[in-house]
């Protein structure tokens, strides 16, 4: 599986928000990453 095509800044922000290592973010399947991003967005809207 090839790494995601996201910027280093985006990967860093996601790793902090999801509390997972940046390497795991870069090798996460795209559909799972999109799902996690949607969960984060929903949490932010609830605040």
C-alpha atoms as a PDB file:
ATOM      1  CA  UNK A   1       0.000   0.000   0.000  1.00  0.00           C
ATOM      2  CA  UNK A   2       1.444   3.384  -0.898  1.00  0.00           C
ATOM      3  CA  UNK A   3       1.457   6.253   1.601  1.00  0.00           C
ATOM      4  CA  UNK A   4      -1.374   8.767   1.570  1.00  0.00           C
ATOM      5  CA  UNK A   5      -0.994  11.904  -0.477  1.00  0.00           C
ATOM      6  CA  UNK A   6      -1.408  14.370   2.388  1.00  0.00           C
ATOM      7  CA  UNK A   7       0.899  17.101   3.584  1.00  0.00           C
ATOM      8  CA  UNK A   8       3.214  16.630   6.541  1.00  0.00           C
ATOM      9  CA  UNK A   9       1.315  19.351   8.426  1.00  0.00           C
ATOM     10  CA  UNK A  10      -1.985  17.547   7.908  1.00  0.00           C
ATOM     11  CA  UNK A  11      -0.513  14.228   9.004  1.00  0.00           C
ATOM     12  CA  UNK A  12       0.932  15.851  12.123  1.00  0.00           C
ATOM     13  CA  UNK A  13      -2.379  17.501  13.047  1.00  0.00           C
ATOM     14  CA  UNK A  14      -4.252  14.231  12.526  1.00  0.00           C
ATOM     15  CA  UNK A  15      -1.771  12.236  14.579  1.00  0.00           C
ATOM     16  CA  UNK A  16      -2.174  14.674  17.483  1.00  0.00           C
ATOM     17  CA  UNK A  17      -5.969  14.736  17.189  1.00  0.00           C
ATOM     18  CA  UNK A  18      -6.274  10.936  16.949  1.00  0.00           C
ATOM     19  CA  UNK A  19      -3.461  10.199  19.425  1.00  0.00           C
ATOM     20  CA  UNK A  20      -1.714   7.816  17.037  1.00  0.00           C
ATOM     21  CA  UNK A  21       1.865   7.871  15.675  1.00  0.00           C
ATOM     22  CA  UNK A  22       2.362   9.832  12.468  1.00  0.00           C
ATOM     23  CA  UNK A  23       3.661   6.676  10.744  1.00  0.00           C
ATOM     24  CA  UNK A  24       0.334   4.995  11.393  1.00  0.00           C
ATOM     25  CA  UNK A  25      -1.525   7.959   9.873  1.00  0.00           C
ATOM     26  CA  UNK A  26       0.599   7.821   6.715  1.00  0.00           C
ATOM     27  CA  UNK A  27      -0.060   4.096   6.201  1.00  0.00           C
ATOM     28  CA  UNK A  28      -3.716   4.067   7.204  1.00  0.00           C
ATOM     29  CA  UNK A  29      -6.110   3.048   4.407  1.00  0.00           C
ATOM     30  CA  UNK A  30      -7.738   6.107   2.909  1.00  0.00           C
ATOM     31  CA  UNK A  31     -11.327   5.079   3.669  1.00  0.00           C
ATOM     32  CA  UNK A  32     -10.490   4.600   7.359  1.00  0.00           C
ATOM     33  CA  UNK A  33      -8.707   7.942   7.514  1.00  0.00           C
ATOM     34  CA  UNK A  34     -11.708   9.699   5.954  1.00  0.00           C
ATOM     35  CA  UNK A  35     -13.977   8.036   8.505  1.00  0.00           C
ATOM     36  CA  UNK A  36     -11.719   9.197  11.386  1.00  0.00           C
ATOM     37  CA  UNK A  37     -11.658  12.728   9.977  1.00  0.00           C
ATOM     38  CA  UNK A  38     -15.462  12.776   9.854  1.00  0.00           C
ATOM     39  CA  UNK A  39     -15.606  11.627  13.486  1.00  0.00           C
ATOM     40  CA  UNK A  40     -13.226  14.439  14.485  1.00  0.00           C
ATOM     41  CA  UNK A  41     -15.301  16.993  12.610  1.00  0.00           C
ATOM     42  CA  UNK A  42     -18.475  15.784  14.301  1.00  0.00           C
ATOM     43  CA  UNK A  43     -16.784  16.078  17.722  1.00  0.00           C
ATOM     44  CA  UNK A  44     -15.682  19.624  16.923  1.00  0.00           C
ATOM     45  CA  UNK A  45     -19.213  20.606  15.898  1.00  0.00           C
ATOM     46  CA  UNK A  46     -20.613  19.270  19.171  1.00  0.00           C
ATOM     47  CA  UNK A  47     -18.326  21.546  21.216  1.00  0.00           C
END
